[in-house]
C-alpha atoms as a PDB file:
ATOM      1  CA  MET A   1      37.677 -24.768 -30.183  1.00  0.00           C
ATOM      2  CA  SER A   2      40.216 -23.264 -28.129  1.00  0.00           C
ATOM      3  CA  SER A   3      44.017 -25.575 -27.346  1.00  0.00           C
ATOM      4  CA  ARG A   4      44.500 -23.893 -24.368  1.00  0.00           C
ATOM      5  CA  ALA A   5      43.681 -26.012 -21.310  1.00  0.00           C
ATOM      6  CA  ARG A   6      40.072 -26.360 -20.494  1.00  0.00           C
ATOM      7  CA  PRO A   7      38.948 -25.618 -16.753  1.00  0.00           C
ATOM      8  CA  THR A   8      38.131 -28.733 -14.304  1.00  0.00           C
ATOM      9  CA  SER A   9      34.799 -27.119 -13.385  1.00  0.00           C
ATOM     10  CA  VAL A  10      33.083 -23.822 -13.967  1.00  0.00           C
ATOM     11  CA  HIS A  11      30.808 -21.872 -11.508  1.00  0.00           C
ATOM     12  CA  VAL A  12      28.650 -19.246 -13.239  1.00  0.00           C
ATOM     13  CA  ARG A  13      26.188 -17.199 -11.402  1.00  0.00           C
ATOM     14  CA  ALA A  14      22.931 -15.128 -13.040  1.00  0.00           C
ATOM     15  CA  PRO A  15      20.085 -13.427 -11.169  1.00  0.00           C
ATOM     16  CA  GLY A  16      16.533 -13.907 -11.203  1.00  0.00           C
ATOM     17  CA  LYS A  17      14.668 -10.682 -12.508  1.00  0.00           C
ATOM     18  CA  LEU A  18      11.228  -8.999 -12.192  1.00  0.00           C
ATOM     19  CA  ASN A  19       9.047  -7.089 -14.929  1.00  0.00           C
ATOM     20  CA  VAL A  20       8.559  -3.840 -13.790  1.00  0.00           C
ATOM     21  CA  PHE A  21       6.048  -3.350 -16.494  1.00  0.00           C
ATOM     22  CA  LEU A  22       4.470  -5.293 -18.488  1.00  0.00           C
ATOM     23  CA  LYS A  23       2.129  -4.883 -21.418  1.00  0.00           C
ATOM     24  CA  VAL A  24       0.873  -7.549 -23.084  1.00  0.00           C
ATOM     25  CA  GLY A  25      -0.563  -7.664 -26.679  1.00  0.00           C
ATOM     26  CA  ALA A  26      -3.965  -9.292 -28.663  1.00  0.00           C
ATOM     27  CA  LEU A  27      -3.871 -12.687 -28.822  1.00  0.00           C
ATOM     28  CA  LEU A  28      -1.747 -13.660 -32.455  1.00  0.00           C
ATOM     29  CA  ASP A  29      -2.614 -16.109 -34.706  1.00  0.00           C
ATOM     30  CA  ASP A  30       0.086 -18.346 -33.439  1.00  0.00           C
ATOM     31  CA  GLY A  31      -1.645 -19.021 -30.271  1.00  0.00           C
ATOM     32  CA  TYR A  32       1.128 -16.294 -28.729  1.00  0.00           C
ATOM     33  CA  HIS A  33       1.291 -12.785 -27.683  1.00  0.00           C
ATOM     34  CA  ASP A  34       3.751  -9.793 -27.953  1.00  0.00           C
ATOM     35  CA  VAL A  35       5.344  -8.100 -24.922  1.00  0.00           C
ATOM     36  CA  ALA A  36       6.611  -4.660 -24.398  1.00  0.00           C
ATOM     37  CA  THR A  37       8.069  -4.685 -20.499  1.00  0.00           C
ATOM     38  CA  ALA A  38      10.522  -3.569 -18.759  1.00  0.00           C
ATOM     39  CA  TYR A  39      12.883  -5.673 -16.793  1.00  0.00           C
ATOM     40  CA  GLN A  40      14.871  -5.759 -14.341  1.00  0.00           C
ATOM     41  CA  ALA A  41      17.953  -8.070 -12.736  1.00  0.00           C
ATOM     42  CA  VAL A  42      17.727  -8.191  -8.946  1.00  0.00           C
ATOM     43  CA  SER A  43      20.503 -10.030  -6.147  1.00  0.00           C
ATOM     44  CA  LEU A  44      18.374 -13.376  -5.942  1.00  0.00           C
ATOM     45  CA  TYR A  45      21.168 -15.653  -7.887  1.00  0.00           C
ATOM     46  CA  GLU A  46      21.216 -18.780  -9.111  1.00  0.00           C
ATOM     47  CA  ASP A  47      24.617 -20.879  -8.831  1.00  0.00           C
ATOM     48  CA  VAL A  48      25.669 -23.433 -11.355  1.00  0.00           C
ATOM     49  CA  ARG A  49      28.496 -25.314 -11.236  1.00  0.00           C
ATOM     50  CA  ALA A  50      29.434 -27.034 -14.568  1.00  0.00           C
ATOM     51  CA  TYR A  51      31.885 -30.630 -14.677  1.00  0.00           C
ATOM     52  CA  PRO A  52      33.437 -32.263 -17.170  1.00  0.00           C
ATOM     53  CA  ALA A  53      31.125 -35.483 -18.235  1.00  0.00           C
ATOM     54  CA  ASP A  54      30.311 -38.121 -20.784  1.00  0.00           C
ATOM     55  CA  ASP A  55      26.928 -37.625 -20.533  1.00  0.00           C
ATOM     56  CA  PHE A  56      24.266 -34.753 -19.112  1.00  0.00           C
ATOM     57  CA  SER A  57      22.713 -34.300 -15.931  1.00  0.00           C
ATOM     58  CA  VAL A  58      21.977 -32.178 -13.185  1.00  0.00           C
ATOM     59  CA  SER A  59      20.960 -31.796  -9.398  1.00  0.00           C
ATOM     60  CA  PHE A  60      19.714 -28.951  -7.230  1.00  0.00           C
ATOM     61  CA  SER A  61      20.286 -27.859  -4.239  1.00  0.00           C
ATOM     62  CA  GLY A  62      20.162 -24.537  -2.319  1.00  0.00           C
ATOM     63  CA  SER A  63      17.072 -22.429  -0.132  1.00  0.00           C
ATOM     64  CA  ILE A  64      14.102 -23.344  -1.897  1.00  0.00           C
ATOM     65  CA  ASP A  65      12.349 -26.617  -2.130  1.00  0.00           C
ATOM     66  CA  THR A  66      13.374 -28.245  -5.768  1.00  0.00           C
ATOM     67  CA  SER A  67      11.901 -31.875  -4.992  1.00  0.00           C
ATOM     68  CA  GLY A  68       9.742 -31.098  -7.704  1.00  0.00           C
ATOM     69  CA  LEU A  69      12.194 -30.183 -10.347  1.00  0.00           C
ATOM     70  CA  PRO A  70      12.583 -31.989 -13.553  1.00  0.00           C
ATOM     71  CA  SER A  71      16.149 -33.747 -13.818  1.00  0.00           C
ATOM     72  CA  ASP A  72      15.855 -35.154 -16.808  1.00  0.00           C
ATOM     73  CA  GLY A  73      15.876 -33.380 -20.758  1.00  0.00           C
ATOM     74  CA  SER A  74      13.263 -31.330 -20.230  1.00  0.00           C
ATOM     75  CA  ASN A  75      15.429 -29.354 -17.629  1.00  0.00           C
ATOM     76  CA  LEU A  76      15.941 -26.027 -19.215  1.00  0.00           C
ATOM     77  CA  ALA A  77      19.507 -25.913 -18.166  1.00  0.00           C
ATOM     78  CA  ILE A  78      20.015 -29.438 -19.625  1.00  0.00           C
ATOM     79  CA  LYS A  79      18.505 -28.180 -22.671  1.00  0.00           C
ATOM     80  CA  ALA A  80      20.906 -25.178 -22.739  1.00  0.00           C
ATOM     81  CA  ALA A  81      23.763 -27.561 -22.546  1.00  0.00           C
ATOM     82  CA  ARG A  82      22.597 -29.926 -25.183  1.00  0.00           C
ATOM     83  CA  LEU A  83      21.767 -26.770 -27.941  1.00  0.00           C
ATOM     84  CA  LEU A  84      25.412 -25.613 -27.549  1.00  0.00           C
ATOM     85  CA  ALA A  85      26.889 -29.212 -27.460  1.00  0.00           C
ATOM     86  CA  ARG A  86      24.701 -29.630 -31.324  1.00  0.00           C
ATOM     87  CA  VAL A  87      26.120 -26.551 -32.229  1.00  0.00           C
ATOM     88  CA  ALA A  88      29.403 -25.898 -31.072  1.00  0.00           C
ATOM     89  CA  ASP A  89      29.609 -29.884 -32.665  1.00  0.00           C
ATOM     90  CA  TYR A  90      31.107 -30.890 -29.476  1.00  0.00           C
ATOM     91  CA  ARG A  91      30.830 -34.196 -28.515  1.00  0.00           C
ATOM     92  CA  GLY A  92      31.291 -34.721 -24.578  1.00  0.00           C
ATOM     93  CA  GLY A  93      28.941 -33.856 -22.028  1.00  0.00           C
ATOM     94  CA  VAL A  94      28.473 -32.539 -18.651  1.00  0.00           C
ATOM     95  CA  ARG A  95      27.221 -32.462 -15.347  1.00  0.00           C
ATOM     96  CA  LEU A  96      25.415 -29.513 -13.714  1.00  0.00           C
ATOM     97  CA  GLU A  97      24.967 -28.789 -10.036  1.00  0.00           C
ATOM     98  CA  ILE A  98      22.346 -25.658  -9.618  1.00  0.00           C
ATOM     99  CA  GLU A  99      21.934 -24.416  -6.184  1.00  0.00           C
ATOM    100  CA  LYS A 100      18.792 -22.333  -6.209  1.00  0.00           C
ATOM    101  CA  ASN A 101      17.556 -19.223  -4.468  1.00  0.00           C
ATOM    102  CA  VAL A 102      15.258 -18.073  -6.926  1.00  0.00           C
ATOM    103  CA  PRO A 103      11.265 -18.984  -6.763  1.00  0.00           C
ATOM    104  CA  ILE A 104      10.389 -22.199  -8.785  1.00  0.00           C
ATOM    105  CA  ALA A 105       6.952 -21.387 -11.062  1.00  0.00           C
ATOM    106  CA  GLY A 106       7.334 -17.491  -9.577  1.00  0.00           C
ATOM    107  CA  GLY A 107       7.136 -15.415 -12.563  1.00  0.00           C
ATOM    108  CA  MET A 108      11.261 -14.665 -11.253  1.00  0.00           C
ATOM    109  CA  GLY A 109      13.387 -16.389 -14.476  1.00  0.00           C
ATOM    110  CA  GLY A 110      14.682 -18.673 -12.259  1.00  0.00           C
ATOM    111  CA  GLY A 111      14.787 -21.294 -15.254  1.00  0.00           C
ATOM    112  CA  SER A 112      15.783 -18.914 -17.392  1.00  0.00           C
ATOM    113  CA  ALA A 113      18.727 -17.777 -15.233  1.00  0.00           C
ATOM    114  CA  ASP A 114      19.622 -21.449 -14.895  1.00  0.00           C
ATOM    115  CA  ALA A 115      20.061 -22.113 -18.523  1.00  0.00           C
ATOM    116  CA  ALA A 116      21.825 -18.644 -19.175  1.00  0.00           C
ATOM    117  CA  ALA A 117      24.246 -19.794 -16.565  1.00  0.00           C
ATOM    118  CA  ALA A 118      24.361 -23.302 -18.445  1.00  0.00           C
ATOM    119  CA  LEU A 119      25.092 -21.888 -21.594  1.00  0.00           C
ATOM    120  CA  VAL A 120      28.085 -19.701 -20.226  1.00  0.00           C
ATOM    121  CA  ALA A 121      29.477 -22.365 -17.759  1.00  0.00           C
ATOM    122  CA  CYS A 122      29.643 -24.999 -20.765  1.00  0.00           C
ATOM    123  CA  ASP A 123      30.864 -22.690 -23.096  1.00  0.00           C
ATOM    124  CA  THR A 124      33.647 -21.699 -20.798  1.00  0.00           C
ATOM    125  CA  LEU A 125      34.198 -25.540 -19.602  1.00  0.00           C
ATOM    126  CA  TRP A 126      34.326 -26.764 -23.527  1.00  0.00           C
ATOM    127  CA  GLY A 127      36.507 -24.198 -24.982  1.00  0.00           C
ATOM    128  CA  THR A 128      33.923 -23.157 -27.613  1.00  0.00           C
ATOM    129  CA  GLU A 129      33.975 -19.649 -27.222  1.00  0.00           C
ATOM    130  CA  LEU A 130      30.946 -18.631 -28.815  1.00  0.00           C
ATOM    131  CA  GLY A 131      30.808 -14.930 -29.050  1.00  0.00           C
ATOM    132  CA  ARG A 132      28.160 -13.100 -26.869  1.00  0.00           C
ATOM    133  CA  GLU A 133      25.489 -12.240 -30.087  1.00  0.00           C
ATOM    134  CA  GLU A 134      25.968 -15.861 -30.953  1.00  0.00           C
ATOM    135  CA  LEU A 135      25.444 -16.744 -26.793  1.00  0.00           C
ATOM    136  CA  HIS A 136      22.447 -14.807 -27.176  1.00  0.00           C
ATOM    137  CA  SER A 137      20.937 -16.373 -30.190  1.00  0.00           C
ATOM    138  CA  LEU A 138      20.809 -19.783 -28.181  1.00  0.00           C
ATOM    139  CA  ALA A 139      19.121 -17.992 -25.620  1.00  0.00           C
ATOM    140  CA  ALA A 140      16.236 -16.828 -27.330  1.00  0.00           C
ATOM    141  CA  GLN A 141      15.433 -20.247 -28.769  1.00  0.00           C
ATOM    142  CA  LEU A 142      15.625 -21.530 -25.292  1.00  0.00           C
ATOM    143  CA  GLY A 143      12.967 -19.207 -23.761  1.00  0.00           C
ATOM    144  CA  ALA A 144      11.489 -15.559 -23.743  1.00  0.00           C
ATOM    145  CA  ASP A 145      13.595 -14.657 -20.439  1.00  0.00           C
ATOM    146  CA  VAL A 146      17.032 -16.699 -20.805  1.00  0.00           C
ATOM    147  CA  PRO A 147      18.612 -13.575 -23.082  1.00  0.00           C
ATOM    148  CA  PHE A 148      17.905 -10.869 -20.538  1.00  0.00           C
ATOM    149  CA  ALA A 149      19.182 -13.623 -17.854  1.00  0.00           C
ATOM    150  CA  LEU A 150      22.379 -13.108 -19.882  1.00  0.00           C
ATOM    151  CA  THR A 151      22.621  -9.644 -20.513  1.00  0.00           C
ATOM    152  CA  GLY A 152      21.084  -8.601 -16.925  1.00  0.00           C
ATOM    153  CA  GLY A 153      20.722  -4.869 -15.916  1.00  0.00           C
ATOM    154  CA  THR A 154      17.689  -2.912 -16.680  1.00  0.00           C
ATOM    155  CA  ALA A 155      16.223  -3.361 -20.636  1.00  0.00           C
ATOM    156  CA  ILE A 156      13.200  -3.329 -22.594  1.00  0.00           C
ATOM    157  CA  GLY A 157      12.296  -6.526 -23.856  1.00  0.00           C
ATOM    158  CA  THR A 158      10.040  -6.576 -27.268  1.00  0.00           C
ATOM    159  CA  GLY A 159       8.783  -9.339 -29.084  1.00  0.00           C
ATOM    160  CA  ARG A 160       8.104 -12.108 -27.506  1.00  0.00           C
ATOM    161  CA  GLY A 161      10.369 -10.264 -24.853  1.00  0.00           C
ATOM    162  CA  ASP A 162      13.666 -11.512 -26.237  1.00  0.00           C
ATOM    163  CA  GLU A 163      14.531  -8.712 -28.353  1.00  0.00           C
ATOM    164  CA  LEU A 164      16.527  -6.797 -25.705  1.00  0.00           C
ATOM    165  CA  SER A 165      17.609  -2.610 -25.586  1.00  0.00           C
ATOM    166  CA  PRO A 166      19.141  -1.409 -22.636  1.00  0.00           C
ATOM    167  CA  ALA A 167      17.794   0.504 -20.523  1.00  0.00           C
ATOM    168  CA  LEU A 168      19.617   3.603 -18.203  1.00  0.00           C
ATOM    169  CA  ALA A 169      18.678   3.295 -14.754  1.00  0.00           C
ATOM    170  CA  LYS A 170      20.109   5.524 -12.461  1.00  0.00           C
ATOM    171  CA  GLY A 171      21.324   3.749  -8.550  1.00  0.00           C
ATOM    172  CA  GLN A 172      19.804   1.076  -6.572  1.00  0.00           C
ATOM    173  CA  PHE A 173      16.176   0.516  -6.236  1.00  0.00           C
ATOM    174  CA  HIS A 174      14.814  -1.974  -2.831  1.00  0.00           C
ATOM    175  CA  TRP A 175      12.902  -4.746  -3.276  1.00  0.00           C
ATOM    176  CA  VAL A 176      11.171  -7.315  -1.017  1.00  0.00           C
ATOM    177  CA  PHE A 177       9.294 -10.229  -2.638  1.00  0.00           C
ATOM    178  CA  ALA A 178       6.559 -12.072  -0.810  1.00  0.00           C
ATOM    179  CA  LEU A 179       6.926 -15.763  -1.583  1.00  0.00           C
ATOM    180  CA  ALA A 180       4.170 -18.071  -2.003  1.00  0.00           C
ATOM    181  CA  ASN A 181       4.273 -21.809  -1.316  1.00  0.00           C
ATOM    182  CA  PHE A 182       2.672 -22.114  -4.999  1.00  0.00           C
ATOM    183  CA  GLY A 183       3.590 -22.308  -8.017  1.00  0.00           C
ATOM    184  CA  MET A 184       1.933 -20.751 -11.506  1.00  0.00           C
ATOM    185  CA  SER A 185       1.435 -21.721 -14.802  1.00  0.00           C
ATOM    186  CA  THR A 186       2.464 -19.143 -17.300  1.00  0.00           C
ATOM    187  CA  PRO A 187       0.071 -20.513 -20.015  1.00  0.00           C
ATOM    188  CA  GLU A 188      -2.793 -20.570 -17.801  1.00  0.00           C
ATOM    189  CA  VAL A 189      -2.047 -16.803 -16.634  1.00  0.00           C
ATOM    190  CA  TYR A 190      -1.874 -15.572 -20.249  1.00  0.00           C
ATOM    191  CA  ARG A 191      -5.075 -17.997 -21.481  1.00  0.00           C
ATOM    192  CA  GLU A 192      -6.985 -16.846 -18.224  1.00  0.00           C
ATOM    193  CA  LEU A 193      -5.804 -12.978 -19.603  1.00  0.00           C
ATOM    194  CA  ASP A 194      -7.709 -13.708 -22.815  1.00  0.00           C
ATOM    195  CA  ARG A 195     -10.579 -14.798 -20.961  1.00  0.00           C
ATOM    196  CA  HIS A 196     -10.575 -11.496 -18.712  1.00  0.00           C
ATOM    197  CA  ARG A 197     -10.486  -9.770 -22.265  1.00  0.00           C
ATOM    198  CA  GLU A 198     -13.427 -11.199 -23.255  1.00  0.00           C
ATOM    199  CA  ARG A 199     -15.450 -10.854 -20.296  1.00  0.00           C
ATOM    200  CA  HIS A 200     -14.411  -6.890 -20.156  1.00  0.00           C
ATOM    201  CA  ALA A 201     -14.724  -6.308 -23.967  1.00  0.00           C
ATOM    202  CA  LEU A 202     -17.346  -3.268 -23.731  1.00  0.00           C
ATOM    203  CA  ASP A 203     -15.226  -1.897 -20.626  1.00  0.00           C
ATOM    204  CA  ILE A 204     -11.561  -1.952 -21.712  1.00  0.00           C
ATOM    205  CA  SER A 205      -9.777  -1.034 -24.929  1.00  0.00           C
ATOM    206  CA  PRO A 206      -8.669  -3.830 -27.568  1.00  0.00           C
ATOM    207  CA  ALA A 207      -4.979  -4.548 -26.756  1.00  0.00           C
ATOM    208  CA  SER A 208      -2.698  -4.080 -29.452  1.00  0.00           C
ATOM    209  CA  GLU A 209      -0.926  -5.968 -31.520  1.00  0.00           C
ATOM    210  CA  GLN A 210       2.268  -4.553 -30.594  1.00  0.00           C
ATOM    211  CA  PRO A 211       2.646  -2.923 -26.880  1.00  0.00           C
ATOM    212  CA  THR A 212       5.355  -0.329 -26.048  1.00  0.00           C
ATOM    213  CA  VAL A 213       6.665   0.636 -22.898  1.00  0.00           C
ATOM    214  CA  ASP A 214       5.283   3.720 -21.721  1.00  0.00           C
ATOM    215  CA  THR A 215       8.031   6.358 -21.562  1.00  0.00           C
ATOM    216  CA  ALA A 216       7.279   7.397 -17.876  1.00  0.00           C
ATOM    217  CA  VAL A 217       8.820   3.949 -16.472  1.00  0.00           C
ATOM    218  CA  LEU A 218      11.697   4.872 -18.370  1.00  0.00           C
ATOM    219  CA  GLN A 219      11.867   8.434 -17.170  1.00  0.00           C
ATOM    220  CA  ALA A 220      11.994   7.058 -13.684  1.00  0.00           C
ATOM    221  CA  LEU A 221      14.111   4.771 -14.265  1.00  0.00           C
ATOM    222  CA  ARG A 222      16.558   7.273 -15.793  1.00  0.00           C
ATOM    223  CA  ALA A 223      16.346   8.945 -12.347  1.00  0.00           C
ATOM    224  CA  GLY A 224      16.660   6.245  -9.951  1.00  0.00           C
ATOM    225  CA  ASP A 225      13.162   7.546  -8.302  1.00  0.00           C
ATOM    226  CA  ALA A 226      11.549   4.675  -6.504  1.00  0.00           C
ATOM    227  CA  ALA A 227       8.318   7.255  -5.699  1.00  0.00           C
ATOM    228  CA  MET A 228       8.201   8.265  -9.126  1.00  0.00           C
ATOM    229  CA  LEU A 229       8.550   4.323 -10.338  1.00  0.00           C
ATOM    230  CA  ALA A 230       6.051   3.134  -7.859  1.00  0.00           C
ATOM    231  CA  GLU A 231       3.555   5.392  -9.735  1.00  0.00           C
ATOM    232  CA  VAL A 232       3.546   3.810 -13.333  1.00  0.00           C
ATOM    233  CA  MET A 233       4.680   0.041 -12.107  1.00  0.00           C
ATOM    234  CA  HIS A 234       2.379  -2.151 -14.515  1.00  0.00           C
ATOM    235  CA  ASN A 235       1.911  -5.762 -15.103  1.00  0.00           C
ATOM    236  CA  ASP A 236      -1.544  -7.212 -17.515  1.00  0.00           C
ATOM    237  CA  LEU A 237      -1.309 -10.319 -15.951  1.00  0.00           C
ATOM    238  CA  GLN A 238      -1.552  -8.880 -12.950  1.00  0.00           C
ATOM    239  CA  ALA A 239      -5.729  -9.480 -13.183  1.00  0.00           C
ATOM    240  CA  PRO A 240      -5.860 -12.693 -14.339  1.00  0.00           C
ATOM    241  CA  ALA A 241      -3.117 -14.078 -11.979  1.00  0.00           C
ATOM    242  CA  LEU A 242      -5.527 -12.460  -9.426  1.00  0.00           C
ATOM    243  CA  HIS A 243      -8.533 -13.902 -10.914  1.00  0.00           C
ATOM    244  CA  LEU A 244      -6.788 -17.652 -10.462  1.00  0.00           C
ATOM    245  CA  GLU A 245      -5.202 -16.873  -7.131  1.00  0.00           C
ATOM    246  CA  PRO A 246      -7.512 -14.243  -5.356  1.00  0.00           C
ATOM    247  CA  ARG A 247      -5.211 -14.249  -1.758  1.00  0.00           C
ATOM    248  CA  LEU A 248      -2.546 -13.005  -3.731  1.00  0.00           C
ATOM    249  CA  ALA A 249      -4.716  -9.287  -3.604  1.00  0.00           C
ATOM    250  CA  ARG A 250      -4.182  -9.568   0.482  1.00  0.00           C
ATOM    251  CA  VAL A 251      -0.511  -9.842   0.095  1.00  0.00           C
ATOM    252  CA  ILE A 252      -0.367  -6.739  -1.796  1.00  0.00           C
ATOM    253  CA  GLU A 253      -2.668  -4.892   0.513  1.00  0.00           C
ATOM    254  CA  LEU A 254      -0.346  -6.195   3.133  1.00  0.00           C
ATOM    255  CA  GLY A 255       2.843  -4.553   1.860  1.00  0.00           C
ATOM    256  CA  GLU A 256       1.392  -1.287   0.499  1.00  0.00           C
ATOM    257  CA  GLU A 257      -0.281  -1.026   4.662  1.00  0.00           C
ATOM    258  CA  ASN A 258       3.479  -1.900   5.840  1.00  0.00           C
ATOM    259  CA  GLY A 259       5.340   1.084   3.744  1.00  0.00           C
ATOM    260  CA  ALA A 260       5.464  -0.711   0.043  1.00  0.00           C
ATOM    261  CA  LEU A 261       5.540   2.436  -2.328  1.00  0.00           C
ATOM    262  CA  ALA A 262       3.868  -0.297  -4.559  1.00  0.00           C
ATOM    263  CA  GLY A 263       3.126  -4.088  -4.773  1.00  0.00           C
ATOM    264  CA  ILE A 264       3.211  -5.842  -7.924  1.00  0.00           C
ATOM    265  CA  VAL A 265       2.392  -9.634  -9.679  1.00  0.00           C
ATOM    266  CA  SER A 266       5.889 -10.474 -10.338  1.00  0.00           C
ATOM    267  CA  GLY A 267       5.712 -11.690 -14.135  1.00  0.00           C
ATOM    268  CA  SER A 268       2.661 -13.931 -14.244  1.00  0.00           C
ATOM    269  CA  GLY A 269       3.067 -14.618 -10.703  1.00  0.00           C
ATOM    270  CA  PRO A 270       2.850 -15.746  -7.870  1.00  0.00           C
ATOM    271  CA  THR A 271       5.643 -13.675  -6.107  1.00  0.00           C
ATOM    272  CA  VAL A 272       4.398 -10.394  -5.366  1.00  0.00           C
ATOM    273  CA  ALA A 273       7.484  -7.678  -5.355  1.00  0.00           C
ATOM    274  CA  PHE A 274       7.153  -4.845  -3.341  1.00  0.00           C
ATOM    275  CA  LEU A 275       9.287  -1.488  -4.577  1.00  0.00           C
ATOM    276  CA  ALA A 276      10.828   0.195  -1.230  1.00  0.00           C
ATOM    277  CA  ALA A 277      12.068   4.371  -1.013  1.00  0.00           C
ATOM    278  CA  ASP A 278      15.218   2.888   0.888  1.00  0.00           C
ATOM    279  CA  ILE A 279      17.035  -0.024   2.874  1.00  0.00           C
ATOM    280  CA  ASP A 280      15.898   1.386   5.728  1.00  0.00           C
ATOM    281  CA  SER A 281      11.885   0.984   4.344  1.00  0.00           C
ATOM    282  CA  ALA A 282      12.636  -2.471   2.972  1.00  0.00           C
ATOM    283  CA  LEU A 283      13.836  -3.588   5.886  1.00  0.00           C
ATOM    284  CA  GLU A 284      10.897  -3.049   8.153  1.00  0.00           C
ATOM    285  CA  LEU A 285       8.675  -4.016   5.292  1.00  0.00           C
ATOM    286  CA  GLN A 286      10.479  -7.269   5.531  1.00  0.00           C
ATOM    287  CA  VAL A 287      10.042  -7.530   9.335  1.00  0.00           C
ATOM    288  CA  ALA A 288       6.196  -6.641   8.615  1.00  0.00           C
ATOM    289  CA  LEU A 289       5.461  -9.237   6.515  1.00  0.00           C
ATOM    290  CA  SER A 290       7.584 -11.918   8.311  1.00  0.00           C
ATOM    291  CA  ALA A 291       5.802 -11.175  10.757  1.00  0.00           C
ATOM    292  CA  ALA A 292       2.180 -11.809   9.211  1.00  0.00           C
ATOM    293  CA  ARG A 293       3.965 -15.405   8.923  1.00  0.00           C
ATOM    294  CA  LEU A 294       4.949 -14.839   4.583  1.00  0.00           C
ATOM    295  CA  THR A 295       7.730 -15.798   3.135  1.00  0.00           C
ATOM    296  CA  VAL A 296      10.215 -13.177   2.264  1.00  0.00           C
ATOM    297  CA  VAL A 297      13.652 -11.832   1.228  1.00  0.00           C
ATOM    298  CA  ARG A 298      14.764  -8.877   0.255  1.00  0.00           C
ATOM    299  CA  ALA A 299      17.329  -7.798  -2.853  1.00  0.00           C
ATOM    300  CA  THR A 300      18.403  -5.034  -5.133  1.00  0.00           C
ATOM    301  CA  GLY A 301      18.101  -4.418  -8.200  1.00  0.00           C
ATOM    302  CA  PRO A 302      19.934  -3.885 -11.285  1.00  0.00           C
ATOM    303  CA  VAL A 303      22.361  -6.733 -11.131  1.00  0.00           C
ATOM    304  CA  HIS A 304      24.237  -8.138 -13.863  1.00  0.00           C
ATOM    305  CA  GLY A 305      23.560 -10.859 -16.041  1.00  0.00           C
ATOM    306  CA  ALA A 306      25.486 -14.498 -15.970  1.00  0.00           C
ATOM    307  CA  ARG A 307      28.741 -14.346 -14.948  1.00  0.00           C
ATOM    308  CA  VAL A 308      31.780 -16.718 -14.394  1.00  0.00           C
ATOM    309  CA  CYS A 309      33.213 -16.218 -10.772  1.00  0.00           C
END
């Protein structure tokens, strides 16, 4: 632990994400699935401020309704802070103030961003000075998407999604997100995927135990070509999400009718991500979807991961 004077507060910003590609492997004996995904961090951010305290607490503000969020020990940011304190043998606590802008239970990794930001904030506040690899190891213990929120950019995730390798992505991609006024349970969407595969066992190929990301996705990202990426975006969780929430299909149709190159359910849903050709197309799409009484936000990617501001 550093002997230098410690800061009285730390502000860390971490991004939300979308999965531009998500293949889900077969159901394993432990009840989980391996995945192969292409993540992109986008410019919707969670701002986490950390202050010294004797115990652990968290409070929320921001542009979205946070009334349903737990503020006890089950909160992922609190879990992250406690885990770091335990590993670093730090005896104090922290007060976390989180300004939320990433949809809750929306398939965009907002809780994971909070956890990644809490790790970086507490590491700085407490002077524990864990290396990036150690923080990554702690992040992986907290959830599959937390390591990516730490690194940001564009990356390929395998295993549970936490085994990351960077992917080259040229230029900037323009996204418009249609936000739902309800959340979806990730475990429930995965269960529906398993049921979907059983129902259609005769029509679809059996899932691989170790899925991979299609090379066409990597080529599109490397080329920075939005039209090319639109052709190859894919999400295995989309069919089960649409089965559970059929109204999402109309949202995708609406976006594509109004100029989106492609629409895709983000992660396990219910947020729908639309890829636009350029900034002007993204603005036009945002206006059209807003006129249709949808809640929409515009963002770009890739952006960096959790960083001290």
